[in-house]
Amino acid sequence: MQAKYGFEPQPGLALLRLAERHIDAAAATFRRVMAATTDQVKRIRLLPAHVEIMLAADDIEEARRACHELADVAESYRTEPLCALAAHARGAVEMAEGEAQAAVAWLRQALEGGSKLKRHTKQRA
């Protein structure tokens, strides 16, 4: 779905619904968006939000599938930002499943990846 001015409103629109506590609407919208999106590059942009929304909707299984897809993409591209996003998603899923120790390890990895990216960005500036 393209917005009036030619920009895809997702994931922003669904995240707005989530922030407004319209969790069911956000989840239903995002399930449709993900089912209709087959282009891998477009899916990469959507996957972190998909994990967040599915966890808010208590659909841990769907969040786990999105998390694994994001991890597979990160493994393929091997970029620091994607690896950090995948680690963050995995940490969030582990936390939702009550696995605090595993969550801490993944979230620490995400934080380290983000810190590396920040240092690299400062060095280039």
PDB file of N, CA and C in Angstrom:
ATOM      1  N   MET A   1       0.837  -1.168   0.000  1.00  0.00           N
ATOM      2  CA  MET A   1       0.000   0.000   0.000  1.00  0.00           C
ATOM      3  C   MET A   1       0.891   1.243   0.000  1.00  0.00           C
ATOM      4  N   GLN A   2       0.688   2.118  -0.962  1.00  0.00           N
ATOM      5  CA  GLN A   2       1.433   3.363  -1.035  1.00  0.00           C
ATOM      6  C   GLN A   2       0.548   4.495  -0.537  1.00  0.00           C
ATOM      7  N   ALA A   3       1.143   5.378   0.183  1.00  0.00           N
ATOM      8  CA  ALA A   3       0.399   6.536   0.680  1.00  0.00           C
ATOM      9  C   ALA A   3       0.177   7.526  -0.460  1.00  0.00           C
ATOM     10  N   LYS A   4      -0.589   8.511  -0.184  1.00  0.00           N
ATOM     11  CA  LYS A   4      -0.967   9.535  -1.153  1.00  0.00           C
ATOM     12  C   LYS A   4       0.238  10.152  -1.875  1.00  0.00           C
ATOM     13  N   TYR A   5       1.357  10.310  -1.191  1.00  0.00           N
ATOM     14  CA  TYR A   5       2.521  10.956  -1.775  1.00  0.00           C
ATOM     15  C   TYR A   5       3.582   9.966  -2.257  1.00  0.00           C
ATOM     16  N   GLY A   6       3.227   8.704  -2.392  1.00  0.00           N
ATOM     17  CA  GLY A   6       4.129   7.713  -2.962  1.00  0.00           C
ATOM     18  C   GLY A   6       5.050   7.002  -1.996  1.00  0.00           C
ATOM     19  N   PHE A   7       4.902   7.235  -0.706  1.00  0.00           N
ATOM     20  CA  PHE A   7       5.745   6.568   0.276  1.00  0.00           C
ATOM     21  C   PHE A   7       4.958   5.479   0.984  1.00  0.00           C
ATOM     22  N   GLU A   8       5.617   4.363   1.208  1.00  0.00           N
ATOM     23  CA  GLU A   8       5.011   3.257   1.957  1.00  0.00           C
ATOM     24  C   GLU A   8       4.850   3.694   3.413  1.00  0.00           C
ATOM     25  N   PRO A   9       3.645   3.638   3.960  1.00  0.00           N
ATOM     26  CA  PRO A   9       3.427   4.106   5.340  1.00  0.00           C
ATOM     27  C   PRO A   9       3.880   3.111   6.403  1.00  0.00           C
ATOM     28  N   GLN A  10       4.308   1.935   6.008  1.00  0.00           N
ATOM     29  CA  GLN A  10       4.715   0.937   6.978  1.00  0.00           C
ATOM     30  C   GLN A  10       6.236   0.884   7.053  1.00  0.00           C
ATOM     31  N   PRO A  11       6.787   0.691   8.182  1.00  0.00           N
ATOM     32  CA  PRO A  11       6.189   0.242   9.429  1.00  0.00           C
ATOM     33  C   PRO A  11       5.658   1.370  10.313  1.00  0.00           C
ATOM     34  N   GLY A  12       5.863   2.613   9.908  1.00  0.00           N
ATOM     35  CA  GLY A  12       5.488   3.743  10.760  1.00  0.00           C
ATOM     36  C   GLY A  12       4.044   3.765  11.198  1.00  0.00           C
ATOM     37  N   LEU A  13       3.130   3.489  10.278  1.00  0.00           N
ATOM     38  CA  LEU A  13       1.714   3.541  10.616  1.00  0.00           C
ATOM     39  C   LEU A  13       1.340   2.472  11.647  1.00  0.00           C
ATOM     40  N   ALA A  14       1.842   1.272  11.456  1.00  0.00           N
ATOM     41  CA  ALA A  14       1.546   0.201  12.424  1.00  0.00           C
ATOM     42  C   ALA A  14       2.182   0.503  13.781  1.00  0.00           C
ATOM     43  N   LEU A  15       3.380   1.070  13.773  1.00  0.00           N
ATOM     44  CA  LEU A  15       4.020   1.435  15.042  1.00  0.00           C
ATOM     45  C   LEU A  15       3.262   2.560  15.744  1.00  0.00           C
ATOM     46  N   LEU A  16       2.681   3.458  14.961  1.00  0.00           N
ATOM     47  CA  LEU A  16       1.830   4.493  15.546  1.00  0.00           C
ATOM     48  C   LEU A  16       0.611   3.863  16.211  1.00  0.00           C
ATOM     49  N   ARG A  17      -0.011   2.909  15.531  1.00  0.00           N
ATOM     50  CA  ARG A  17      -1.167   2.205  16.119  1.00  0.00           C
ATOM     51  C   ARG A  17      -0.755   1.502  17.414  1.00  0.00           C
ATOM     52  N   LEU A  18       0.423   0.909  17.394  1.00  0.00           N
ATOM     53  CA  LEU A  18       0.929   0.241  18.595  1.00  0.00           C
ATOM     54  C   LEU A  18       1.110   1.245  19.728  1.00  0.00           C
ATOM     55  N   ALA A  19       1.699   2.398  19.438  1.00  0.00           N
ATOM     56  CA  ALA A  19       1.904   3.437  20.453  1.00  0.00           C
ATOM     57  C   ALA A  19       0.580   3.955  20.999  1.00  0.00           C
ATOM     58  N   GLU A  20      -0.451   3.935  20.165  1.00  0.00           N
ATOM     59  CA  GLU A  20      -1.782   4.353  20.601  1.00  0.00           C
ATOM     60  C   GLU A  20      -2.520   3.237  21.348  1.00  0.00           C
ATOM     61  N   ARG A  21      -1.836   2.104  21.524  1.00  0.00           N
ATOM     62  CA  ARG A  21      -2.363   0.916  22.208  1.00  0.00           C
ATOM     63  C   ARG A  21      -3.456   0.213  21.412  1.00  0.00           C
ATOM     64  N   HIS A  22      -3.456   0.384  20.108  1.00  0.00           N
ATOM     65  CA  HIS A  22      -4.344  -0.357  19.206  1.00  0.00           C
ATOM     66  C   HIS A  22      -3.568  -1.575  18.698  1.00  0.00           C
ATOM     67  N   ILE A  23      -3.245  -2.448  19.632  1.00  0.00           N
ATOM     68  CA  ILE A  23      -2.356  -3.568  19.359  1.00  0.00           C
ATOM     69  C   ILE A  23      -2.942  -4.517  18.323  1.00  0.00           C
ATOM     70  N   ASP A  24      -4.216  -4.858  18.457  1.00  0.00           N
ATOM     71  CA  ASP A  24      -4.835  -5.783  17.505  1.00  0.00           C
ATOM     72  C   ASP A  24      -4.821  -5.216  16.090  1.00  0.00           C
ATOM     73  N   ALA A  25      -5.092  -3.926  15.954  1.00  0.00           N
ATOM     74  CA  ALA A  25      -5.076  -3.289  14.631  1.00  0.00           C
ATOM     75  C   ALA A  25      -3.667  -3.286  14.055  1.00  0.00           C
ATOM     76  N   ALA A  26      -2.688  -2.970  14.883  1.00  0.00           N
ATOM     77  CA  ALA A  26      -1.293  -2.963  14.428  1.00  0.00           C
ATOM     78  C   ALA A  26      -0.867  -4.351  13.983  1.00  0.00           C
ATOM     79  N   ALA A  27      -1.214  -5.359  14.771  1.00  0.00           N
ATOM     80  CA  ALA A  27      -0.833  -6.734  14.450  1.00  0.00           C
ATOM     81  C   ALA A  27      -1.507  -7.221  13.172  1.00  0.00           C
ATOM     82  N   ALA A  28      -2.791  -6.955  13.030  1.00  0.00           N
ATOM     83  CA  ALA A  28      -3.512  -7.390  11.830  1.00  0.00           C
ATOM     84  C   ALA A  28      -2.940  -6.715  10.584  1.00  0.00           C
ATOM     85  N   THR A  29      -2.686  -5.429  10.687  1.00  0.00           N
ATOM     86  CA  THR A  29      -2.106  -4.695   9.562  1.00  0.00           C
ATOM     87  C   THR A  29      -0.753  -5.271   9.192  1.00  0.00           C
ATOM     88  N   PHE A  30       0.062  -5.504  10.204  1.00  0.00           N
ATOM     89  CA  PHE A  30       1.414  -5.964   9.902  1.00  0.00           C
ATOM     90  C   PHE A  30       1.446  -7.389   9.383  1.00  0.00           C
ATOM     91  N   ARG A  31       0.542  -8.214   9.831  1.00  0.00           N
ATOM     92  CA  ARG A  31       0.463  -9.564   9.265  1.00  0.00           C
ATOM     93  C   ARG A  31       0.152  -9.488   7.767  1.00  0.00           C
ATOM     94  N   ARG A  32      -0.780  -8.604   7.402  1.00  0.00           N
ATOM     95  CA  ARG A  32      -1.116  -8.431   5.980  1.00  0.00           C
ATOM     96  C   ARG A  32       0.075  -7.878   5.195  1.00  0.00           C
ATOM     97  N   VAL A  33       0.736  -6.889   5.751  1.00  0.00           N
ATOM     98  CA  VAL A  33       1.880  -6.277   5.077  1.00  0.00           C
ATOM     99  C   VAL A  33       2.978  -7.311   4.849  1.00  0.00           C
ATOM    100  N   MET A  34       3.287  -8.084   5.866  1.00  0.00           N
ATOM    101  CA  MET A  34       4.358  -9.080   5.737  1.00  0.00           C
ATOM    102  C   MET A  34       3.977 -10.186   4.750  1.00  0.00           C
ATOM    103  N   ALA A  35       2.722 -10.576   4.744  1.00  0.00           N
ATOM    104  CA  ALA A  35       2.279 -11.607   3.797  1.00  0.00           C
ATOM    105  C   ALA A  35       2.377 -11.107   2.354  1.00  0.00           C
ATOM    106  N   ALA A  36       2.175  -9.819   2.159  1.00  0.00           N
ATOM    107  CA  ALA A  36       2.186  -9.250   0.809  1.00  0.00           C
ATOM    108  C   ALA A  36       3.572  -8.802   0.355  1.00  0.00           C
ATOM    109  N   THR A  37       4.529  -8.765   1.258  1.00  0.00           N
ATOM    110  CA  THR A  37       5.869  -8.262   0.922  1.00  0.00           C
ATOM    111  C   THR A  37       6.809  -9.431   0.706  1.00  0.00           C
ATOM    112  N   THR A  38       7.218  -9.609  -0.538  1.00  0.00           N
ATOM    113  CA  THR A  38       8.120 -10.716  -0.873  1.00  0.00           C
ATOM    114  C   THR A  38       9.536 -10.248  -1.169  1.00  0.00           C
ATOM    115  N   ASP A  39       9.714  -8.980  -1.491  1.00  0.00           N
ATOM    116  CA  ASP A  39      11.031  -8.436  -1.790  1.00  0.00           C
ATOM    117  C   ASP A  39      11.871  -8.404  -0.517  1.00  0.00           C
ATOM    118  N   GLN A  40      13.041  -9.059  -0.552  1.00  0.00           N
ATOM    119  CA  GLN A  40      13.857  -9.192   0.650  1.00  0.00           C
ATOM    120  C   GLN A  40      14.306  -7.852   1.212  1.00  0.00           C
ATOM    121  N   VAL A  41      14.677  -6.924   0.357  1.00  0.00           N
ATOM    122  CA  VAL A  41      15.138  -5.626   0.838  1.00  0.00           C
ATOM    123  C   VAL A  41      14.011  -4.892   1.563  1.00  0.00           C
ATOM    124  N   LYS A  42      12.808  -4.973   1.035  1.00  0.00           N
ATOM    125  CA  LYS A  42      11.673  -4.338   1.711  1.00  0.00           C
ATOM    126  C   LYS A  42      11.363  -5.035   3.031  1.00  0.00           C
ATOM    127  N   ARG A  43      11.504  -6.371   3.062  1.00  0.00           N
ATOM    128  CA  ARG A  43      11.234  -7.116   4.291  1.00  0.00           C
ATOM    129  C   ARG A  43      12.239  -6.759   5.384  1.00  0.00           C
ATOM    130  N   ILE A  44      13.494  -6.515   4.992  1.00  0.00           N
ATOM    131  CA  ILE A  44      14.523  -6.150   5.976  1.00  0.00           C
ATOM    132  C   ILE A  44      14.081  -4.923   6.757  1.00  0.00           C
ATOM    133  N   ARG A  45      13.520  -3.951   6.066  1.00  0.00           N
ATOM    134  CA  ARG A  45      13.081  -2.709   6.698  1.00  0.00           C
ATOM    135  C   ARG A  45      11.901  -2.948   7.636  1.00  0.00           C
ATOM    136  N   LEU A  46      11.118  -3.987   7.384  1.00  0.00           N
ATOM    137  CA  LEU A  46       9.910  -4.256   8.156  1.00  0.00           C
ATOM    138  C   LEU A  46      10.118  -5.207   9.334  1.00  0.00           C
ATOM    139  N   LEU A  47      11.103  -6.074   9.245  1.00  0.00           N
ATOM    140  CA  LEU A  47      11.252  -7.149  10.229  1.00  0.00           C
ATOM    141  C   LEU A  47      11.420  -6.683  11.684  1.00  0.00           C
ATOM    142  N   PRO A  48      12.243  -5.677  11.987  1.00  0.00           N
ATOM    143  CA  PRO A  48      12.343  -5.262  13.395  1.00  0.00           C
ATOM    144  C   PRO A  48      10.995  -4.825  13.973  1.00  0.00           C
ATOM    145  N   ALA A  49      10.225  -4.078  13.200  1.00  0.00           N
ATOM    146  CA  ALA A  49       8.898  -3.654  13.666  1.00  0.00           C
ATOM    147  C   ALA A  49       7.962  -4.847  13.797  1.00  0.00           C
ATOM    148  N   HIS A  50       8.118  -5.811  12.898  1.00  0.00           N
ATOM    149  CA  HIS A  50       7.272  -7.005  12.957  1.00  0.00           C
ATOM    150  C   HIS A  50       7.496  -7.740  14.277  1.00  0.00           C
ATOM    151  N   VAL A  51       8.748  -7.886  14.666  1.00  0.00           N
ATOM    152  CA  VAL A  51       9.058  -8.529  15.951  1.00  0.00           C
ATOM    153  C   VAL A  51       8.418  -7.752  17.091  1.00  0.00           C
ATOM    154  N   GLU A  52       8.612  -6.445  17.108  1.00  0.00           N
ATOM    155  CA  GLU A  52       8.075  -5.606  18.188  1.00  0.00           C
ATOM    156  C   GLU A  52       6.550  -5.702  18.285  1.00  0.00           C
ATOM    157  N   ILE A  53       5.895  -5.625  17.157  1.00  0.00           N
ATOM    158  CA  ILE A  53       4.426  -5.654  17.146  1.00  0.00           C
ATOM    159  C   ILE A  53       3.901  -7.029  17.554  1.00  0.00           C
ATOM    160  N   MET A  54       4.513  -8.084  17.065  1.00  0.00           N
ATOM    161  CA  MET A  54       4.050  -9.428  17.421  1.00  0.00           C
ATOM    162  C   MET A  54       4.270  -9.717  18.902  1.00  0.00           C
ATOM    163  N   LEU A  55       5.354  -9.222  19.460  1.00  0.00           N
ATOM    164  CA  LEU A  55       5.564  -9.401  20.901  1.00  0.00           C
ATOM    165  C   LEU A  55       4.508  -8.649  21.692  1.00  0.00           C
ATOM    166  N   ALA A  56       4.178  -7.440  21.260  1.00  0.00           N
ATOM    167  CA  ALA A  56       3.126  -6.667  21.945  1.00  0.00           C
ATOM    168  C   ALA A  56       1.777  -7.376  21.858  1.00  0.00           C
ATOM    169  N   ALA A  57       1.568  -8.110  20.762  1.00  0.00           N
ATOM    170  CA  ALA A  57       0.312  -8.838  20.560  1.00  0.00           C
ATOM    171  C   ALA A  57       0.351 -10.231  21.188  1.00  0.00           C
ATOM    172  N   ASP A  58       1.420 -10.531  21.925  1.00  0.00           N
ATOM    173  CA  ASP A  58       1.614 -11.840  22.571  1.00  0.00           C
ATOM    174  C   ASP A  58       1.662 -12.990  21.574  1.00  0.00           C
ATOM    175  N   ASP A  59       2.117 -12.724  20.361  1.00  0.00           N
ATOM    176  CA  ASP A  59       2.311 -13.777  19.363  1.00  0.00           C
ATOM    177  C   ASP A  59       3.809 -14.054  19.280  1.00  0.00           C
ATOM    178  N   ILE A  60       4.304 -14.742  20.295  1.00  0.00           N
ATOM    179  CA  ILE A  60       5.739 -14.994  20.403  1.00  0.00           C
ATOM    180  C   ILE A  60       6.229 -15.877  19.266  1.00  0.00           C
ATOM    181  N   GLU A  61       5.419 -16.809  18.841  1.00  0.00           N
ATOM    182  CA  GLU A  61       5.824 -17.695  17.736  1.00  0.00           C
ATOM    183  C   GLU A  61       6.073 -16.901  16.453  1.00  0.00           C
ATOM    184  N   GLU A  62       5.181 -15.981  16.127  1.00  0.00           N
ATOM    185  CA  GLU A  62       5.360 -15.145  14.932  1.00  0.00           C
ATOM    186  C   GLU A  62       6.561 -14.219  15.105  1.00  0.00           C
ATOM    187  N   ALA A  63       6.740 -13.684  16.295  1.00  0.00           N
ATOM    188  CA  ALA A  63       7.910 -12.838  16.571  1.00  0.00           C
ATOM    189  C   ALA A  63       9.190 -13.642  16.397  1.00  0.00           C
ATOM    190  N   ARG A  64       9.188 -14.890  16.858  1.00  0.00           N
ATOM    191  CA  ARG A  64      10.363 -15.751  16.720  1.00  0.00           C
ATOM    192  C   ARG A  64      10.673 -16.016  15.252  1.00  0.00           C
ATOM    193  N   ARG A  65       9.633 -16.260  14.441  1.00  0.00           N
ATOM    194  CA  ARG A  65       9.858 -16.491  13.000  1.00  0.00           C
ATOM    195  C   ARG A  65      10.475 -15.250  12.351  1.00  0.00           C
ATOM    196  N   ALA A  66       9.955 -14.074  12.685  1.00  0.00           N
ATOM    197  CA  ALA A  66      10.496 -12.833  12.127  1.00  0.00           C
ATOM    198  C   ALA A  66      11.931 -12.622  12.603  1.00  0.00           C
ATOM    199  N   CYS A  67      12.184 -12.948  13.848  1.00  0.00           N
ATOM    200  CA  CYS A  67      13.519 -12.836  14.420  1.00  0.00           C
ATOM    201  C   CYS A  67      14.500 -13.733  13.666  1.00  0.00           C
ATOM    202  N   HIS A  68      14.103 -14.958  13.385  1.00  0.00           N
ATOM    203  CA  HIS A  68      14.967 -15.885  12.648  1.00  0.00           C
ATOM    204  C   HIS A  68      15.202 -15.407  11.218  1.00  0.00           C
ATOM    205  N   GLU A  69      14.170 -14.864  10.596  1.00  0.00           N
ATOM    206  CA  GLU A  69      14.340 -14.329   9.244  1.00  0.00           C
ATOM    207  C   GLU A  69      15.337 -13.173   9.265  1.00  0.00           C
ATOM    208  N   LEU A  70      15.224 -12.302  10.238  1.00  0.00           N
ATOM    209  CA  LEU A  70      16.149 -11.184  10.362  1.00  0.00           C
ATOM    210  C   LEU A  70      17.572 -11.685  10.616  1.00  0.00           C
ATOM    211  N   ALA A  71      17.715 -12.703  11.436  1.00  0.00           N
ATOM    212  CA  ALA A  71      19.037 -13.280  11.702  1.00  0.00           C
ATOM    213  C   ALA A  71      19.634 -13.886  10.429  1.00  0.00           C
ATOM    214  N   ASP A  72      18.807 -14.553   9.632  1.00  0.00           N
ATOM    215  CA  ASP A  72      19.283 -15.132   8.369  1.00  0.00           C
ATOM    216  C   ASP A  72      19.763 -14.041   7.416  1.00  0.00           C
ATOM    217  N   VAL A  73      19.013 -12.966   7.343  1.00  0.00           N
ATOM    218  CA  VAL A  73      19.397 -11.839   6.480  1.00  0.00           C
ATOM    219  C   VAL A  73      20.696 -11.214   6.983  1.00  0.00           C
ATOM    220  N   ALA A  74      20.793 -11.025   8.284  1.00  0.00           N
ATOM    221  CA  ALA A  74      22.007 -10.442   8.866  1.00  0.00           C
ATOM    222  C   ALA A  74      23.213 -11.330   8.579  1.00  0.00           C
ATOM    223  N   GLU A  75      23.014 -12.636   8.654  1.00  0.00           N
ATOM    224  CA  GLU A  75      24.096 -13.582   8.360  1.00  0.00           C
ATOM    225  C   GLU A  75      24.513 -13.476   6.889  1.00  0.00           C
ATOM    226  N   SER A  76      23.565 -13.267   6.014  1.00  0.00           N
ATOM    227  CA  SER A  76      23.859 -13.149   4.578  1.00  0.00           C
ATOM    228  C   SER A  76      24.621 -11.870   4.260  1.00  0.00           C
ATOM    229  N   TYR A  77      24.151 -10.748   4.797  1.00  0.00           N
ATOM    230  CA  TYR A  77      24.755  -9.454   4.468  1.00  0.00           C
ATOM    231  C   TYR A  77      25.956  -9.105   5.340  1.00  0.00           C
ATOM    232  N   ARG A  78      25.973  -9.634   6.562  1.00  0.00           N
ATOM    233  CA  ARG A  78      27.075  -9.415   7.514  1.00  0.00           C
ATOM    234  C   ARG A  78      27.435  -7.937   7.707  1.00  0.00           C
ATOM    235  N   THR A  79      26.419  -7.112   7.881  1.00  0.00           N
ATOM    236  CA  THR A  79      26.666  -5.706   8.193  1.00  0.00           C
ATOM    237  C   THR A  79      26.390  -5.486   9.675  1.00  0.00           C
ATOM    238  N   GLU A  80      27.143  -4.586  10.262  1.00  0.00           N
ATOM    239  CA  GLU A  80      27.005  -4.330  11.700  1.00  0.00           C
ATOM    240  C   GLU A  80      25.589  -3.891  12.082  1.00  0.00           C
ATOM    241  N   PRO A  81      24.961  -2.978  11.327  1.00  0.00           N
ATOM    242  CA  PRO A  81      23.603  -2.580  11.713  1.00  0.00           C
ATOM    243  C   PRO A  81      22.603  -3.737  11.684  1.00  0.00           C
ATOM    244  N   LEU A  82      22.659  -4.561  10.657  1.00  0.00           N
ATOM    245  CA  LEU A  82      21.729  -5.699  10.588  1.00  0.00           C
ATOM    246  C   LEU A  82      22.002  -6.709  11.695  1.00  0.00           C
ATOM    247  N   CYS A  83      23.266  -6.956  11.971  1.00  0.00           N
ATOM    248  CA  CYS A  83      23.601  -7.897  13.050  1.00  0.00           C
ATOM    249  C   CYS A  83      23.112  -7.368  14.400  1.00  0.00           C
ATOM    250  N   ALA A  84      23.253  -6.064  14.621  1.00  0.00           N
ATOM    251  CA  ALA A  84      22.775  -5.470  15.873  1.00  0.00           C
ATOM    252  C   ALA A  84      21.250  -5.546  15.966  1.00  0.00           C
ATOM    253  N   LEU A  85      20.558  -5.275  14.867  1.00  0.00           N
ATOM    254  CA  LEU A  85      19.089  -5.383  14.857  1.00  0.00           C
ATOM    255  C   LEU A  85      18.643  -6.817  15.127  1.00  0.00           C
ATOM    256  N   ALA A  86      19.331  -7.771  14.510  1.00  0.00           N
ATOM    257  CA  ALA A  86      18.980  -9.183  14.707  1.00  0.00           C
ATOM    258  C   ALA A  86      19.217  -9.600  16.164  1.00  0.00           C
ATOM    259  N   ALA A  87      20.320  -9.151  16.740  1.00  0.00           N
ATOM    260  CA  ALA A  87      20.613  -9.483  18.142  1.00  0.00           C
ATOM    261  C   ALA A  87      19.581  -8.843  19.075  1.00  0.00           C
ATOM    262  N   HIS A  88      19.187  -7.618  18.785  1.00  0.00           N
ATOM    263  CA  HIS A  88      18.166  -6.955  19.602  1.00  0.00           C
ATOM    264  C   HIS A  88      16.843  -7.711  19.519  1.00  0.00           C
ATOM    265  N   ALA A  89      16.458  -8.099  18.316  1.00  0.00           N
ATOM    266  CA  ALA A  89      15.204  -8.848  18.134  1.00  0.00           C
ATOM    267  C   ALA A  89      15.262 -10.163  18.903  1.00  0.00           C
ATOM    268  N   ARG A  90      16.390 -10.852  18.818  1.00  0.00           N
ATOM    269  CA  ARG A  90      16.536 -12.132  19.519  1.00  0.00           C
ATOM    270  C   ARG A  90      16.450 -11.931  21.029  1.00  0.00           C
ATOM    271  N   GLY A  91      17.082 -10.860  21.518  1.00  0.00           N
ATOM    272  CA  GLY A  91      17.009 -10.563  22.942  1.00  0.00           C
ATOM    273  C   GLY A  91      15.588 -10.280  23.394  1.00  0.00           C
ATOM    274  N   ALA A  92      14.848  -9.544  22.583  1.00  0.00           N
ATOM    275  CA  ALA A  92      13.450  -9.237  22.927  1.00  0.00           C
ATOM    276  C   ALA A  92      12.601 -10.496  22.967  1.00  0.00           C
ATOM    277  N   VAL A  93      12.820 -11.392  22.010  1.00  0.00           N
ATOM    278  CA  VAL A  93      12.058 -12.651  21.975  1.00  0.00           C
ATOM    279  C   VAL A  93      12.434 -13.513  23.176  1.00  0.00           C
ATOM    280  N   GLU A  94      13.722 -13.612  23.470  1.00  0.00           N
ATOM    281  CA  GLU A  94      14.161 -14.402  24.629  1.00  0.00           C
ATOM    282  C   GLU A  94      13.543 -13.857  25.922  1.00  0.00           C
ATOM    283  N   MET A  95      13.508 -12.542  26.051  1.00  0.00           N
ATOM    284  CA  MET A  95      12.919 -11.927  27.244  1.00  0.00           C
ATOM    285  C   MET A  95      11.431 -12.253  27.336  1.00  0.00           C
ATOM    286  N   ALA A  96      10.738 -12.177  26.210  1.00  0.00           N
ATOM    287  CA  ALA A  96       9.305 -12.484  26.193  1.00  0.00           C
ATOM    288  C   ALA A  96       9.039 -13.934  26.573  1.00  0.00           C
ATOM    289  N   GLU A  97      10.007 -14.796  26.283  1.00  0.00           N
ATOM    290  CA  GLU A  97       9.866 -16.212  26.632  1.00  0.00           C
ATOM    291  C   GLU A  97      10.334 -16.504  28.052  1.00  0.00           C
ATOM    292  N   GLY A  98      10.765 -15.466  28.778  1.00  0.00           N
ATOM    293  CA  GLY A  98      11.196 -15.657  30.160  1.00  0.00           C
ATOM    294  C   GLY A  98      12.629 -16.123  30.301  1.00  0.00           C
ATOM    295  N   GLU A  99      13.407 -16.023  29.249  1.00  0.00           N
ATOM    296  CA  GLU A  99      14.805 -16.460  29.255  1.00  0.00           C
ATOM    297  C   GLU A  99      15.712 -15.245  29.443  1.00  0.00           C
ATOM    298  N   ALA A 100      15.751 -14.727  30.669  1.00  0.00           N
ATOM    299  CA  ALA A 100      16.455 -13.471  30.949  1.00  0.00           C
ATOM    300  C   ALA A 100      17.953 -13.564  30.673  1.00  0.00           C
ATOM    301  N   GLN A 101      18.593 -14.660  31.045  1.00  0.00           N
ATOM    302  CA  GLN A 101      20.040 -14.776  30.821  1.00  0.00           C
ATOM    303  C   GLN A 101      20.369 -14.759  29.332  1.00  0.00           C
ATOM    304  N   ALA A 102      19.625 -15.505  28.560  1.00  0.00           N
ATOM    305  CA  ALA A 102      19.850 -15.516  27.111  1.00  0.00           C
ATOM    306  C   ALA A 102      19.557 -14.133  26.533  1.00  0.00           C
ATOM    307  N   ALA A 103      18.511 -13.491  27.032  1.00  0.00           N
ATOM    308  CA  ALA A 103      18.154 -12.152  26.545  1.00  0.00           C
ATOM    309  C   ALA A 103      19.288 -11.170  26.800  1.00  0.00           C
ATOM    310  N   VAL A 104      19.879 -11.213  27.979  1.00  0.00           N
ATOM    311  CA  VAL A 104      20.971 -10.298  28.317  1.00  0.00           C
ATOM    312  C   VAL A 104      22.140 -10.487  27.360  1.00  0.00           C
ATOM    313  N   ALA A 105      22.480 -11.724  27.042  1.00  0.00           N
ATOM    314  CA  ALA A 105      23.599 -11.978  26.128  1.00  0.00           C
ATOM    315  C   ALA A 105      23.324 -11.380  24.747  1.00  0.00           C
ATOM    316  N   TRP A 106      22.119 -11.589  24.225  1.00  0.00           N
ATOM    317  CA  TRP A 106      21.765 -11.050  22.908  1.00  0.00           C
ATOM    318  C   TRP A 106      21.677  -9.527  22.941  1.00  0.00           C
ATOM    319  N   LEU A 107      21.111  -8.974  23.992  1.00  0.00           N
ATOM    320  CA  LEU A 107      20.987  -7.522  24.084  1.00  0.00           C
ATOM    321  C   LEU A 107      22.350  -6.859  24.259  1.00  0.00           C
ATOM    322  N   ARG A 108      23.248  -7.523  24.967  1.00  0.00           N
ATOM    323  CA  ARG A 108      24.620  -7.015  25.101  1.00  0.00           C
ATOM    324  C   ARG A 108      25.299  -6.997  23.727  1.00  0.00           C
ATOM    325  N   GLN A 109      25.080  -8.050  22.950  1.00  0.00           N
ATOM    326  CA  GLN A 109      25.643  -8.112  21.597  1.00  0.00           C
ATOM    327  C   GLN A 109      25.080  -6.975  20.733  1.00  0.00           C
ATOM    328  N   ALA A 110      23.789  -6.704  20.870  1.00  0.00           N
ATOM    329  CA  ALA A 110      23.164  -5.608  20.117  1.00  0.00           C
ATOM    330  C   ALA A 110      23.765  -4.271  20.530  1.00  0.00           C
ATOM    331  N   LEU A 111      23.950  -4.081  21.821  1.00  0.00           N
ATOM    332  CA  LEU A 111      24.528  -2.841  22.328  1.00  0.00           C
ATOM    333  C   LEU A 111      25.957  -2.652  21.827  1.00  0.00           C
ATOM    334  N   GLU A 112      26.732  -3.712  21.852  1.00  0.00           N
ATOM    335  CA  GLU A 112      28.114  -3.633  21.355  1.00  0.00           C
ATOM    336  C   GLU A 112      28.132  -3.302  19.865  1.00  0.00           C
ATOM    337  N   GLY A 113      27.234  -3.904  19.105  1.00  0.00           N
ATOM    338  CA  GLY A 113      27.152  -3.601  17.681  1.00  0.00           C
ATOM    339  C   GLY A 113      26.776  -2.158  17.436  1.00  0.00           C
ATOM    340  N   GLY A 114      25.824  -1.664  18.208  1.00  0.00           N
ATOM    341  CA  GLY A 114      25.435  -0.269  18.085  1.00  0.00           C
ATOM    342  C   GLY A 114      26.560   0.674  18.477  1.00  0.00           C
ATOM    343  N   SER A 115      27.309   0.315  19.500  1.00  0.00           N
ATOM    344  CA  SER A 115      28.442   1.141  19.943  1.00  0.00           C
ATOM    345  C   SER A 115      29.534   1.180  18.878  1.00  0.00           C
ATOM    346  N   LYS A 116      29.806   0.042  18.248  1.00  0.00           N
ATOM    347  CA  LYS A 116      30.792   0.006  17.161  1.00  0.00           C
ATOM    348  C   LYS A 116      30.357   0.903  16.018  1.00  0.00           C
ATOM    349  N   LEU A 117      29.102   0.832  15.692  1.00  0.00           N
ATOM    350  CA  LEU A 117      28.565   1.643  14.603  1.00  0.00           C
ATOM    351  C   LEU A 117      28.675   3.130  14.942  1.00  0.00           C
ATOM    352  N   LYS A 118      28.370   3.473  16.174  1.00  0.00           N
ATOM    353  CA  LYS A 118      28.448   4.871  16.602  1.00  0.00           C
ATOM    354  C   LYS A 118      29.892   5.373  16.539  1.00  0.00           C
ATOM    355  N   ARG A 119      30.839   4.554  17.011  1.00  0.00           N
ATOM    356  CA  ARG A 119      32.256   4.943  16.965  1.00  0.00           C
ATOM    357  C   ARG A 119      32.710   5.117  15.519  1.00  0.00           C
ATOM    358  N   HIS A 120      32.294   4.209  14.666  1.00  0.00           N
ATOM    359  CA  HIS A 120      32.688   4.267  13.259  1.00  0.00           C
ATOM    360  C   HIS A 120      32.108   5.519  12.598  1.00  0.00           C
ATOM    361  N   THR A 121      30.884   5.854  12.935  1.00  0.00           N
ATOM    362  CA  THR A 121      30.232   7.038  12.372  1.00  0.00           C
ATOM    363  C   THR A 121      30.955   8.307  12.835  1.00  0.00           C
ATOM    364  N   LYS A 122      31.364   8.359  14.106  1.00  0.00           N
ATOM    365  CA  LYS A 122      32.083   9.526  14.625  1.00  0.00           C
ATOM    366  C   LYS A 122      33.437   9.672  13.944  1.00  0.00           C
ATOM    367  N   GLN A 123      34.104   8.545  13.676  1.00  0.00           N
ATOM    368  CA  GLN A 123      35.423   8.596  13.038  1.00  0.00           C
ATOM    369  C   GLN A 123      35.324   9.131  11.611  1.00  0.00           C
ATOM    370  N   ARG A 124      34.217   8.837  10.944  1.00  0.00           N
ATOM    371  CA  ARG A 124      34.048   9.283   9.557  1.00  0.00           C
ATOM    372  C   ARG A 124      33.647  10.754   9.477  1.00  0.00           C
ATOM    373  N   ALA A 125      33.113  11.292  10.562  1.00  0.00           N
ATOM    374  CA  ALA A 125      32.624  12.687  10.541  1.00  0.00           C
ATOM    375  C   ALA A 125      33.737  13.711  10.634  1.00  0.00           C
TER     376      ALA A 125
END
